[in-house]
PDB file of all heavy atoms in Angstrom:
ATOM      1  N   GLY A   1     -10.493 -18.677   3.158  1.00  0.00           N
ATOM      2  CA  GLY A   1     -10.685 -19.503   2.043  1.00  0.00           C
ATOM      3  C   GLY A   1     -10.050 -18.954   0.642  1.00  0.00           C
ATOM      4  O   GLY A   1     -10.274 -19.461  -0.417  1.00  0.00           O
ATOM      5  N   SER A   2      -9.228 -17.868   0.857  1.00  0.00           N
ATOM      6  CA  SER A   2      -8.599 -17.118  -0.214  1.00  0.00           C
ATOM      7  C   SER A   2      -7.108 -17.103  -0.073  1.00  0.00           C
ATOM      8  O   SER A   2      -6.615 -17.339   1.052  1.00  0.00           O
ATOM      9  CB  SER A   2      -9.139 -15.739  -0.401  1.00  0.00           C
ATOM     10  OG  SER A   2     -10.507 -15.678  -0.763  1.00  0.00           O
ATOM     11  N   GLN A   3      -6.411 -16.924  -1.241  1.00  0.00           N
ATOM     12  CA  GLN A   3      -4.954 -16.723  -1.205  1.00  0.00           C
ATOM     13  C   GLN A   3      -4.622 -15.411  -0.732  1.00  0.00           C
ATOM     14  O   GLN A   3      -5.444 -14.369  -0.888  1.00  0.00           O
ATOM     15  CB  GLN A   3      -4.407 -17.014  -2.540  1.00  0.00           C
ATOM     16  CG  GLN A   3      -4.626 -18.305  -3.144  1.00  0.00           C
ATOM     17  CD  GLN A   3      -3.892 -19.539  -2.214  1.00  0.00           C
ATOM     18  OE1 GLN A   3      -4.592 -20.212  -1.684  1.00  0.00           O
ATOM     19  NE2 GLN A   3      -2.577 -19.470  -2.471  1.00  0.00           N
ATOM     20  N   ARG A   4      -3.427 -15.310  -0.170  1.00  0.00           N
ATOM     21  CA  ARG A   4      -2.979 -13.930   0.243  1.00  0.00           C
ATOM     22  C   ARG A   4      -2.657 -13.148  -1.076  1.00  0.00           C
ATOM     23  O   ARG A   4      -1.885 -13.634  -2.025  1.00  0.00           O
ATOM     24  CB  ARG A   4      -1.653 -14.087   1.068  1.00  0.00           C
ATOM     25  CG  ARG A   4      -1.240 -12.770   1.694  1.00  0.00           C
ATOM     26  CD  ARG A   4      -0.138 -12.980   2.732  1.00  0.00           C
ATOM     27  NE  ARG A   4      -0.733 -13.714   3.927  1.00  0.00           N
ATOM     28  CZ  ARG A   4      -0.028 -13.832   5.024  1.00  0.00           C
ATOM     29  NH1 ARG A   4       1.178 -13.377   5.184  1.00  0.00           N
ATOM     30  NH2 ARG A   4      -0.621 -14.655   5.969  1.00  0.00           N
ATOM     31  N   GLU A   5      -3.104 -11.969  -1.165  1.00  0.00           N
ATOM     32  CA  GLU A   5      -2.919 -11.084  -2.387  1.00  0.00           C
ATOM     33  C   GLU A   5      -2.178  -9.817  -2.044  1.00  0.00           C
ATOM     34  O   GLU A   5      -2.401  -9.240  -0.938  1.00  0.00           O
ATOM     35  CB  GLU A   5      -4.179 -10.954  -2.968  1.00  0.00           C
ATOM     36  CG  GLU A   5      -5.186 -10.035  -2.147  1.00  0.00           C
ATOM     37  CD  GLU A   5      -6.438  -9.754  -3.034  1.00  0.00           C
ATOM     38  OE1 GLU A   5      -6.405  -9.549  -4.295  1.00  0.00           O
ATOM     39  OE2 GLU A   5      -7.555  -9.361  -2.386  1.00  0.00           O
ATOM     40  N   LEU A   6      -1.540  -9.359  -2.916  1.00  0.00           N
ATOM     41  CA  LEU A   6      -0.853  -7.962  -2.835  1.00  0.00           C
ATOM     42  C   LEU A   6      -1.802  -6.838  -2.827  1.00  0.00           C
ATOM     43  O   LEU A   6      -2.818  -6.745  -3.571  1.00  0.00           O
ATOM     44  CB  LEU A   6       0.110  -7.725  -3.972  1.00  0.00           C
ATOM     45  CG  LEU A   6       0.628  -6.387  -4.332  1.00  0.00           C
ATOM     46  CD1 LEU A   6       1.556  -5.988  -3.187  1.00  0.00           C
ATOM     47  CD2 LEU A   6       1.194  -6.132  -5.612  1.00  0.00           C
ATOM     48  N   VAL A   7      -1.704  -5.954  -1.854  1.00  0.00           N
ATOM     49  CA  VAL A   7      -2.565  -4.668  -1.964  1.00  0.00           C
ATOM     50  C   VAL A   7      -1.602  -3.533  -2.419  1.00  0.00           C
ATOM     51  O   VAL A   7      -1.938  -2.784  -3.343  1.00  0.00           O
ATOM     52  CB  VAL A   7      -2.986  -4.434  -0.500  1.00  0.00           C
ATOM     53  CG1 VAL A   7      -3.647  -3.065  -0.452  1.00  0.00           C
ATOM     54  CG2 VAL A   7      -3.898  -5.530   0.122  1.00  0.00           C
ATOM     55  N   ALA A   8      -0.340  -3.358  -1.768  1.00  0.00           N
ATOM     56  CA  ALA A   8       0.463  -2.304  -2.253  1.00  0.00           C
ATOM     57  C   ALA A   8       1.888  -2.441  -1.557  1.00  0.00           C
ATOM     58  O   ALA A   8       1.984  -3.015  -0.588  1.00  0.00           O
ATOM     59  CB  ALA A   8      -0.104  -0.938  -1.872  1.00  0.00           C
ATOM     60  N   THR A   9       2.946  -1.927  -2.375  1.00  0.00           N
ATOM     61  CA  THR A   9       4.204  -1.963  -1.764  1.00  0.00           C
ATOM     62  C   THR A   9       4.832  -0.688  -2.048  1.00  0.00           C
ATOM     63  O   THR A   9       4.465   0.089  -2.998  1.00  0.00           O
ATOM     64  CB  THR A   9       5.145  -3.037  -2.364  1.00  0.00           C
ATOM     65  OG1 THR A   9       5.285  -2.898  -3.752  1.00  0.00           O
ATOM     66  CG2 THR A   9       4.472  -4.416  -2.040  1.00  0.00           C
ATOM     67  N   ILE A  10       5.810  -0.357  -1.294  1.00  0.00           N
ATOM     68  CA  ILE A  10       6.597   0.936  -1.435  1.00  0.00           C
ATOM     69  C   ILE A  10       7.967   0.744  -1.034  1.00  0.00           C
ATOM     70  O   ILE A  10       8.343   0.292   0.095  1.00  0.00           O
ATOM     71  CB  ILE A  10       5.850   2.143  -0.691  1.00  0.00           C
ATOM     72  CG1 ILE A  10       6.610   3.412  -0.994  1.00  0.00           C
ATOM     73  CG2 ILE A  10       5.703   1.778   0.828  1.00  0.00           C
ATOM     74  CD1 ILE A  10       5.836   4.660  -0.412  1.00  0.00           C
ATOM     75  N   THR A  11       8.965   1.166  -1.844  1.00  0.00           N
ATOM     76  CA  THR A  11      10.376   1.058  -1.416  1.00  0.00           C
ATOM     77  C   THR A  11      10.767   2.232  -0.622  1.00  0.00           C
ATOM     78  O   THR A  11       9.988   3.214  -0.420  1.00  0.00           O
ATOM     79  CB  THR A  11      11.319   1.057  -2.683  1.00  0.00           C
ATOM     80  OG1 THR A  11      11.199   2.279  -3.412  1.00  0.00           O
ATOM     81  CG2 THR A  11      10.789   0.051  -3.601  1.00  0.00           C
ATOM     82  N   ASN A  12      12.083   2.117  -0.008  1.00  0.00           N
ATOM     83  CA  ASN A  12      12.576   3.233   0.729  1.00  0.00           C
ATOM     84  C   ASN A  12      12.649   4.428  -0.182  1.00  0.00           C
ATOM     85  O   ASN A  12      12.787   5.721   0.349  1.00  0.00           O
ATOM     86  CB  ASN A  12      13.870   2.978   1.308  1.00  0.00           C
ATOM     87  CG  ASN A  12      15.025   2.629   0.306  1.00  0.00           C
ATOM     88  OD1 ASN A  12      14.986   1.526  -0.377  1.00  0.00           O
ATOM     89  ND2 ASN A  12      15.917   3.559   0.013  1.00  0.00           N
ATOM     90  N   GLY A  13      12.838   4.283  -1.442  1.00  0.00           N
ATOM     91  CA  GLY A  13      12.940   5.426  -2.491  1.00  0.00           C
ATOM     92  C   GLY A  13      11.555   5.825  -2.903  1.00  0.00           C
ATOM     93  O   GLY A  13      11.527   6.632  -3.929  1.00  0.00           O
ATOM     94  N   PHE A  14      10.500   5.328  -2.429  1.00  0.00           N
ATOM     95  CA  PHE A  14       9.116   5.703  -2.653  1.00  0.00           C
ATOM     96  C   PHE A  14       8.532   5.323  -4.009  1.00  0.00           C
ATOM     97  O   PHE A  14       7.640   5.887  -4.579  1.00  0.00           O
ATOM     98  CB  PHE A  14       8.954   7.250  -2.479  1.00  0.00           C
ATOM     99  CG  PHE A  14       9.451   7.755  -1.322  1.00  0.00           C
ATOM    100  CD1 PHE A  14      10.583   8.475  -1.152  1.00  0.00           C
ATOM    101  CD2 PHE A  14       8.804   7.512  -0.094  1.00  0.00           C
ATOM    102  CE1 PHE A  14      11.054   9.044   0.098  1.00  0.00           C
ATOM    103  CE2 PHE A  14       9.215   7.985   1.251  1.00  0.00           C
ATOM    104  CZ  PHE A  14      10.356   8.709   1.245  1.00  0.00           C
ATOM    105  N   ALA A  15       9.246   4.230  -4.587  1.00  0.00           N
ATOM    106  CA  ALA A  15       8.577   3.496  -5.736  1.00  0.00           C
ATOM    107  C   ALA A  15       7.482   2.787  -5.220  1.00  0.00           C
ATOM    108  O   ALA A  15       7.598   1.846  -4.291  1.00  0.00           O
ATOM    109  CB  ALA A  15       9.680   2.708  -6.538  1.00  0.00           C
ATOM    110  N   ILE A  16       6.163   2.850  -5.871  1.00  0.00           N
ATOM    111  CA  ILE A  16       4.969   2.332  -5.467  1.00  0.00           C
ATOM    112  C   ILE A  16       4.469   1.332  -6.475  1.00  0.00           C
ATOM    113  O   ILE A  16       4.472   1.541  -7.665  1.00  0.00           O
ATOM    114  CB  ILE A  16       3.966   3.380  -5.142  1.00  0.00           C
ATOM    115  CG1 ILE A  16       4.482   4.242  -3.869  1.00  0.00           C
ATOM    116  CG2 ILE A  16       2.666   2.778  -4.887  1.00  0.00           C
ATOM    117  CD1 ILE A  16       3.580   5.308  -3.549  1.00  0.00           C
ATOM    118  N   THR A  17       3.883   0.175  -6.002  1.00  0.00           N
ATOM    119  CA  THR A  17       3.154  -0.681  -6.956  1.00  0.00           C
ATOM    120  C   THR A  17       1.792  -0.895  -6.124  1.00  0.00           C
ATOM    121  O   THR A  17       1.813  -1.085  -4.907  1.00  0.00           O
ATOM    122  CB  THR A  17       3.795  -2.059  -7.164  1.00  0.00           C
ATOM    123  OG1 THR A  17       4.094  -2.726  -5.833  1.00  0.00           O
ATOM    124  CG2 THR A  17       5.188  -1.847  -7.908  1.00  0.00           C
ATOM    125  N   TYR A  18       0.801  -1.137  -6.893  1.00  0.00           N
ATOM    126  CA  TYR A  18      -0.582  -1.484  -6.356  1.00  0.00           C
ATOM    127  C   TYR A  18      -1.103  -2.657  -7.003  1.00  0.00           C
ATOM    128  O   TYR A  18      -1.010  -2.917  -8.105  1.00  0.00           O
ATOM    129  CB  TYR A  18      -1.547  -0.265  -6.555  1.00  0.00           C
ATOM    130  CG  TYR A  18      -1.326   1.015  -5.805  1.00  0.00           C
ATOM    131  CD1 TYR A  18      -0.860   2.075  -6.336  1.00  0.00           C
ATOM    132  CD2 TYR A  18      -1.703   0.885  -4.403  1.00  0.00           C
ATOM    133  CE1 TYR A  18      -0.729   3.325  -5.481  1.00  0.00           C
ATOM    134  CE2 TYR A  18      -1.488   2.082  -3.595  1.00  0.00           C
ATOM    135  CZ  TYR A  18      -1.060   3.264  -4.071  1.00  0.00           C
ATOM    136  OH  TYR A  18      -0.823   4.341  -3.394  1.00  0.00           O
ATOM    137  N   GLY A  19      -1.722  -3.526  -6.171  1.00  0.00           N
ATOM    138  CA  GLY A  19      -2.477  -4.584  -6.664  1.00  0.00           C
ATOM    139  C   GLY A  19      -3.775  -4.105  -7.195  1.00  0.00           C
ATOM    140  O   GLY A  19      -4.357  -3.077  -6.897  1.00  0.00           O
ATOM    141  N   ASP A  20      -4.405  -5.002  -8.042  1.00  0.00           N
ATOM    142  CA  ASP A  20      -5.732  -4.677  -8.488  1.00  0.00           C
ATOM    143  C   ASP A  20      -6.827  -4.442  -7.438  1.00  0.00           C
ATOM    144  O   ASP A  20      -7.822  -3.703  -7.687  1.00  0.00           O
ATOM    145  CB  ASP A  20      -6.178  -5.732  -9.462  1.00  0.00           C
ATOM    146  CG  ASP A  20      -5.398  -5.935 -10.735  1.00  0.00           C
ATOM    147  OD1 ASP A  20      -4.779  -4.892 -11.116  1.00  0.00           O
ATOM    148  OD2 ASP A  20      -5.468  -6.972 -11.319  1.00  0.00           O
ATOM    149  N   SER A  21      -6.649  -5.026  -6.233  1.00  0.00           N
ATOM    150  CA  SER A  21      -7.608  -4.909  -5.380  1.00  0.00           C
ATOM    151  C   SER A  21      -7.612  -3.335  -4.795  1.00  0.00           C
ATOM    152  O   SER A  21      -8.656  -2.997  -4.185  1.00  0.00           O
ATOM    153  CB  SER A  21      -7.273  -5.691  -4.030  1.00  0.00           C
ATOM    154  OG  SER A  21      -6.009  -5.596  -3.653  1.00  0.00           O
ATOM    155  N   ALA A  22      -6.552  -2.600  -4.973  1.00  0.00           N
ATOM    156  CA  ALA A  22      -6.550  -1.246  -4.477  1.00  0.00           C
ATOM    157  C   ALA A  22      -7.549  -0.364  -5.236  1.00  0.00           C
ATOM    158  O   ALA A  22      -8.191   0.405  -4.647  1.00  0.00           O
ATOM    159  CB  ALA A  22      -5.141  -0.693  -4.595  1.00  0.00           C
ATOM    160  N   LYS A  23      -7.650  -0.591  -6.578  1.00  0.00           N
ATOM    161  CA  LYS A  23      -8.584   0.039  -7.387  1.00  0.00           C
ATOM    162  C   LYS A  23      -8.708   1.590  -7.232  1.00  0.00           C
ATOM    163  O   LYS A  23      -9.797   2.125  -7.469  1.00  0.00           O
ATOM    164  CB  LYS A  23     -10.111  -0.588  -7.196  1.00  0.00           C
ATOM    165  CG  LYS A  23     -10.062  -2.087  -7.468  1.00  0.00           C
ATOM    166  CD  LYS A  23     -11.412  -2.691  -7.195  1.00  0.00           C
ATOM    167  CE  LYS A  23     -11.574  -4.185  -7.422  1.00  0.00           C
ATOM    168  NZ  LYS A  23     -12.845  -4.719  -7.110  1.00  0.00           N
ATOM    169  N   GLY A  24      -7.528   2.167  -7.017  1.00  0.00           N
ATOM    170  CA  GLY A  24      -7.633   3.563  -6.811  1.00  0.00           C
ATOM    171  C   GLY A  24      -8.104   4.024  -5.640  1.00  0.00           C
ATOM    172  O   GLY A  24      -8.164   5.335  -5.398  1.00  0.00           O
ATOM    173  N   ARG A  25      -8.505   3.282  -4.722  1.00  0.00           N
ATOM    174  CA  ARG A  25      -9.191   3.690  -3.434  1.00  0.00           C
ATOM    175  C   ARG A  25      -8.194   3.689  -2.379  1.00  0.00           C
ATOM    176  O   ARG A  25      -8.451   4.347  -1.249  1.00  0.00           O
ATOM    177  CB  ARG A  25     -10.218   2.700  -3.070  1.00  0.00           C
ATOM    178  CG  ARG A  25     -11.433   2.660  -4.069  1.00  0.00           C
ATOM    179  CD  ARG A  25     -12.437   1.477  -3.706  1.00  0.00           C
ATOM    180  NE  ARG A  25     -11.824   0.195  -3.891  1.00  0.00           N
ATOM    181  CZ  ARG A  25     -11.826  -0.610  -2.746  1.00  0.00           C
ATOM    182  NH1 ARG A  25     -12.448  -0.347  -1.640  1.00  0.00           N
ATOM    183  NH2 ARG A  25     -11.304  -1.840  -3.003  1.00  0.00           N
ATOM    184  N   PHE A  26      -6.975   2.996  -2.403  1.00  0.00           N
ATOM    185  CA  PHE A  26      -6.140   2.915  -1.422  1.00  0.00           C
ATOM    186  C   PHE A  26      -4.819   3.723  -1.697  1.00  0.00           C
ATOM    187  O   PHE A  26      -4.480   3.854  -2.902  1.00  0.00           O
ATOM    188  CB  PHE A  26      -5.680   1.457  -1.031  1.00  0.00           C
ATOM    189  CG  PHE A  26      -6.815   0.557  -0.641  1.00  0.00           C
ATOM    190  CD1 PHE A  26      -6.623  -0.756  -0.587  1.00  0.00           C
ATOM    191  CD2 PHE A  26      -8.031   1.127  -0.317  1.00  0.00           C
ATOM    192  CE1 PHE A  26      -7.600  -1.671  -0.243  1.00  0.00           C
ATOM    193  CE2 PHE A  26      -9.101   0.189   0.126  1.00  0.00           C
ATOM    194  CZ  PHE A  26      -8.774  -1.128   0.093  1.00  0.00           C
ATOM    195  N   THR A  27      -4.143   4.265  -0.704  1.00  0.00           N
ATOM    196  CA  THR A  27      -2.917   4.970  -0.932  1.00  0.00           C
ATOM    197  C   THR A  27      -1.898   4.488   0.088  1.00  0.00           C
ATOM    198  O   THR A  27      -2.103   4.412   1.291  1.00  0.00           O
ATOM    199  CB  THR A  27      -3.069   6.496  -0.785  1.00  0.00           C
ATOM    200  OG1 THR A  27      -4.024   6.941  -1.649  1.00  0.00           O
ATOM    201  CG2 THR A  27      -1.764   7.189  -0.978  1.00  0.00           C
ATOM    202  N   ILE A  28      -0.747   3.981  -0.316  1.00  0.00           N
ATOM    203  CA  ILE A  28       0.420   3.648   0.492  1.00  0.00           C
ATOM    204  C   ILE A  28       1.304   4.763   0.682  1.00  0.00           C
ATOM    205  O   ILE A  28       1.618   5.500  -0.358  1.00  0.00           O
ATOM    206  CB  ILE A  28       0.953   2.314   0.056  1.00  0.00           C
ATOM    207  CG1 ILE A  28       1.978   1.678   1.072  1.00  0.00           C
ATOM    208  CG2 ILE A  28       1.727   2.507  -1.266  1.00  0.00           C
ATOM    209  CD1 ILE A  28       2.440   0.306   0.731  1.00  0.00           C
ATOM    210  N   SER A  29       1.951   4.914   1.795  1.00  0.00           N
ATOM    211  CA  SER A  29       2.946   5.919   2.028  1.00  0.00           C
ATOM    212  C   SER A  29       3.936   5.451   3.122  1.00  0.00           C
ATOM    213  O   SER A  29       3.544   4.350   3.864  1.00  0.00           O
ATOM    214  CB  SER A  29       2.255   7.249   2.367  1.00  0.00           C
ATOM    215  OG  SER A  29       1.562   7.200   3.712  1.00  0.00           O
ATOM    216  N   ARG A  30       4.987   6.108   3.369  1.00  0.00           N
ATOM    217  CA  ARG A  30       5.945   5.696   4.398  1.00  0.00           C
ATOM    218  C   ARG A  30       6.711   6.814   4.918  1.00  0.00           C
ATOM    219  O   ARG A  30       6.835   7.861   4.269  1.00  0.00           O
ATOM    220  CB  ARG A  30       6.882   4.591   3.867  1.00  0.00           C
ATOM    221  CG  ARG A  30       7.833   4.997   2.759  1.00  0.00           C
ATOM    222  CD  ARG A  30       8.685   3.726   2.323  1.00  0.00           C
ATOM    223  NE  ARG A  30       9.556   3.359   3.345  1.00  0.00           N
ATOM    224  CZ  ARG A  30      10.235   2.214   3.341  1.00  0.00           C
ATOM    225  NH1 ARG A  30      10.069   1.300   2.333  1.00  0.00           N
ATOM    226  NH2 ARG A  30      11.135   1.901   4.283  1.00  0.00           N
ATOM    227  N   ASP A  31       7.075   6.773   6.141  1.00  0.00           N
ATOM    228  CA  ASP A  31       7.906   7.672   6.787  1.00  0.00           C
ATOM    229  C   ASP A  31       9.213   6.988   7.189  1.00  0.00           C
ATOM    230  O   ASP A  31       9.226   6.191   8.134  1.00  0.00           O
ATOM    231  CB  ASP A  31       7.237   8.260   8.099  1.00  0.00           C
ATOM    232  CG  ASP A  31       8.050   9.305   8.743  1.00  0.00           C
ATOM    233  OD1 ASP A  31       9.290   9.389   8.597  1.00  0.00           O
ATOM    234  OD2 ASP A  31       7.313  10.239   9.343  1.00  0.00           O
ATOM    235  N   ASN A  32      10.265   7.325   6.466  1.00  0.00           N
ATOM    236  CA  ASN A  32      11.558   6.499   6.656  1.00  0.00           C
ATOM    237  C   ASN A  32      12.208   6.858   7.908  1.00  0.00           C
ATOM    238  O   ASN A  32      12.885   5.969   8.554  1.00  0.00           O
ATOM    239  CB  ASN A  32      12.502   6.810   5.532  1.00  0.00           C
ATOM    240  CG  ASN A  32      12.071   6.199   4.194  1.00  0.00           C
ATOM    241  OD1 ASN A  32      11.437   5.184   4.091  1.00  0.00           O
ATOM    242  ND2 ASN A  32      12.579   6.807   3.079  1.00  0.00           N
ATOM    243  N   ALA A  33      11.963   8.030   8.441  1.00  0.00           N
ATOM    244  CA  ALA A  33      12.506   8.358   9.709  1.00  0.00           C
ATOM    245  C   ALA A  33      11.890   7.526  10.887  1.00  0.00           C
ATOM    246  O   ALA A  33      12.505   7.366  11.857  1.00  0.00           O
ATOM    247  CB  ALA A  33      12.295   9.855  10.030  1.00  0.00           C
ATOM    248  N   LYS A  34      10.632   7.242  10.661  1.00  0.00           N
ATOM    249  CA  LYS A  34       9.852   6.445  11.711  1.00  0.00           C
ATOM    250  C   LYS A  34       9.860   5.046  11.444  1.00  0.00           C
ATOM    251  O   LYS A  34       9.171   4.143  12.157  1.00  0.00           O
ATOM    252  CB  LYS A  34       8.427   6.951  11.858  1.00  0.00           C
ATOM    253  CG  LYS A  34       8.382   8.406  12.347  1.00  0.00           C
ATOM    254  CD  LYS A  34       7.028   8.927  12.461  1.00  0.00           C
ATOM    255  CE  LYS A  34       6.906  10.293  13.017  1.00  0.00           C
ATOM    256  NZ  LYS A  34       5.534  10.801  13.115  1.00  0.00           N
ATOM    257  N   ASN A  35      10.462   4.572  10.299  1.00  0.00           N
ATOM    258  CA  ASN A  35      10.342   3.078   9.819  1.00  0.00           C
ATOM    259  C   ASN A  35       8.917   2.681   9.775  1.00  0.00           C
ATOM    260  O   ASN A  35       8.707   1.469  10.155  1.00  0.00           O
ATOM    261  CB  ASN A  35      11.153   2.238  10.707  1.00  0.00           C
ATOM    262  CG  ASN A  35      12.744   2.560  10.517  1.00  0.00           C
ATOM    263  OD1 ASN A  35      13.238   2.782   9.468  1.00  0.00           O
ATOM    264  ND2 ASN A  35      13.370   2.638  11.661  1.00  0.00           N
ATOM    265  N   THR A  36       8.028   3.371   9.289  1.00  0.00           N
ATOM    266  CA  THR A  36       6.701   3.195   9.359  1.00  0.00           C
ATOM    267  C   THR A  36       6.094   3.281   7.947  1.00  0.00           C
ATOM    268  O   THR A  36       6.308   4.233   7.212  1.00  0.00           O
ATOM    269  CB  THR A  36       5.932   4.223  10.204  1.00  0.00           C
ATOM    270  OG1 THR A  36       6.481   4.073  11.654  1.00  0.00           O
ATOM    271  CG2 THR A  36       4.392   3.792  10.356  1.00  0.00           C
ATOM    272  N   VAL A  37       5.154   2.321   7.544  1.00  0.00           N
ATOM    273  CA  VAL A  37       4.319   2.415   6.332  1.00  0.00           C
ATOM    274  C   VAL A  37       2.826   2.464   6.738  1.00  0.00           C
ATOM    275  O   VAL A  37       2.468   1.895   7.769  1.00  0.00           O
ATOM    276  CB  VAL A  37       4.691   1.215   5.522  1.00  0.00           C
ATOM    277  CG1 VAL A  37       4.174  -0.204   6.240  1.00  0.00           C
ATOM    278  CG2 VAL A  37       3.986   1.277   4.135  1.00  0.00           C
ATOM    279  N   TYR A  38       2.178   3.209   5.830  1.00  0.00           N
ATOM    280  CA  TYR A  38       0.772   3.514   6.183  1.00  0.00           C
ATOM    281  C   TYR A  38      -0.046   2.996   4.912  1.00  0.00           C
ATOM    282  O   TYR A  38       0.461   2.901   3.754  1.00  0.00           O
ATOM    283  CB  TYR A  38       0.548   4.857   6.318  1.00  0.00           C
ATOM    284  CG  TYR A  38       1.271   5.531   7.432  1.00  0.00           C
ATOM    285  CD1 TYR A  38       2.423   6.243   7.118  1.00  0.00           C
ATOM    286  CD2 TYR A  38       0.876   5.516   8.777  1.00  0.00           C
ATOM    287  CE1 TYR A  38       3.241   6.793   8.103  1.00  0.00           C
ATOM    288  CE2 TYR A  38       1.682   6.102   9.854  1.00  0.00           C
ATOM    289  CZ  TYR A  38       2.836   6.759   9.462  1.00  0.00           C
ATOM    290  OH  TYR A  38       3.455   7.369  10.373  1.00  0.00           O
ATOM    291  N   LEU A  39      -1.267   2.498   5.103  1.00  0.00           N
ATOM    292  CA  LEU A  39      -2.211   2.292   4.135  1.00  0.00           C
ATOM    293  C   LEU A  39      -3.535   2.964   4.361  1.00  0.00           C
ATOM    294  O   LEU A  39      -4.239   2.589   5.445  1.00  0.00           O
ATOM    295  CB  LEU A  39      -2.534   0.778   4.057  1.00  0.00           C
ATOM    296  CG  LEU A  39      -3.460   0.355   2.796  1.00  0.00           C
ATOM    297  CD1 LEU A  39      -2.633   0.589   1.479  1.00  0.00           C
ATOM    298  CD2 LEU A  39      -3.760  -1.128   2.914  1.00  0.00           C
ATOM    299  N   GLN A  40      -3.698   4.065   3.621  1.00  0.00           N
ATOM    300  CA  GLN A  40      -5.026   4.762   3.742  1.00  0.00           C
ATOM    301  C   GLN A  40      -6.069   4.082   2.806  1.00  0.00           C
ATOM    302  O   GLN A  40      -5.887   3.978   1.657  1.00  0.00           O
ATOM    303  CB  GLN A  40      -4.819   6.210   3.339  1.00  0.00           C
ATOM    304  CG  GLN A  40      -6.183   6.905   3.408  1.00  0.00           C
ATOM    305  CD  GLN A  40      -6.664   7.235   4.753  1.00  0.00           C
ATOM    306  OE1 GLN A  40      -5.933   7.598   5.655  1.00  0.00           O
ATOM    307  NE2 GLN A  40      -7.858   7.037   4.964  1.00  0.00           N
ATOM    308  N   MET A  41      -7.186   3.614   3.428  1.00  0.00           N
ATOM    309  CA  MET A  41      -8.157   2.855   2.683  1.00  0.00           C
ATOM    310  C   MET A  41      -9.387   3.685   2.685  1.00  0.00           C
ATOM    311  O   MET A  41     -10.049   3.975   3.761  1.00  0.00           O
ATOM    312  CB  MET A  41      -8.406   1.481   3.243  1.00  0.00           C
ATOM    313  CG  MET A  41      -7.181   0.617   3.400  1.00  0.00           C
ATOM    314  SD  MET A  41      -7.490  -1.136   3.906  1.00  0.00           S
ATOM    315  CE  MET A  41      -7.955  -0.737   5.626  1.00  0.00           C
ATOM    316  N   ASN A  42      -9.867   4.128   1.561  1.00  0.00           N
ATOM    317  CA  ASN A  42     -11.115   4.830   1.472  1.00  0.00           C
ATOM    318  C   ASN A  42     -12.087   3.987   0.610  1.00  0.00           C
ATOM    319  O   ASN A  42     -11.728   3.107  -0.039  1.00  0.00           O
ATOM    320  CB  ASN A  42     -10.888   6.207   0.668  1.00  0.00           C
ATOM    321  CG  ASN A  42      -9.884   7.031   1.549  1.00  0.00           C
ATOM    322  OD1 ASN A  42      -9.940   7.062   2.735  1.00  0.00           O
ATOM    323  ND2 ASN A  42      -9.050   7.817   0.741  1.00  0.00           N
ATOM    324  N   SER A  43     -13.348   4.475   0.688  1.00  0.00           N
ATOM    325  CA  SER A  43     -14.508   3.842  -0.021  1.00  0.00           C
ATOM    326  C   SER A  43     -14.445   2.344   0.158  1.00  0.00           C
ATOM    327  O   SER A  43     -14.493   1.576  -0.817  1.00  0.00           O
ATOM    328  CB  SER A  43     -14.299   4.203  -1.467  1.00  0.00           C
ATOM    329  OG  SER A  43     -14.482   5.585  -1.671  1.00  0.00           O
ATOM    330  N   LEU A  44     -14.333   1.933   1.387  1.00  0.00           N
ATOM    331  CA  LEU A  44     -14.253   0.455   1.626  1.00  0.00           C
ATOM    332  C   LEU A  44     -15.436  -0.292   1.298  1.00  0.00           C
ATOM    333  O   LEU A  44     -16.580   0.202   1.357  1.00  0.00           O
ATOM    334  CB  LEU A  44     -13.921   0.309   3.157  1.00  0.00           C
ATOM    335  CG  LEU A  44     -12.375   0.566   3.480  1.00  0.00           C
ATOM    336  CD1 LEU A  44     -12.370   0.664   5.047  1.00  0.00           C
ATOM    337  CD2 LEU A  44     -11.523  -0.520   2.996  1.00  0.00           C
TER     338      LEU A  44
END
């Protein structure tokens, strides 16, 4: 029943943006060698 919303993004150069929903609780990271992005979610 809700719209899709931004949580976080990260460029290959590690520039990061967070949506309001992250509220300092989430951390986005990436490993370029593995082509993998992670989202660590705490205090859910």
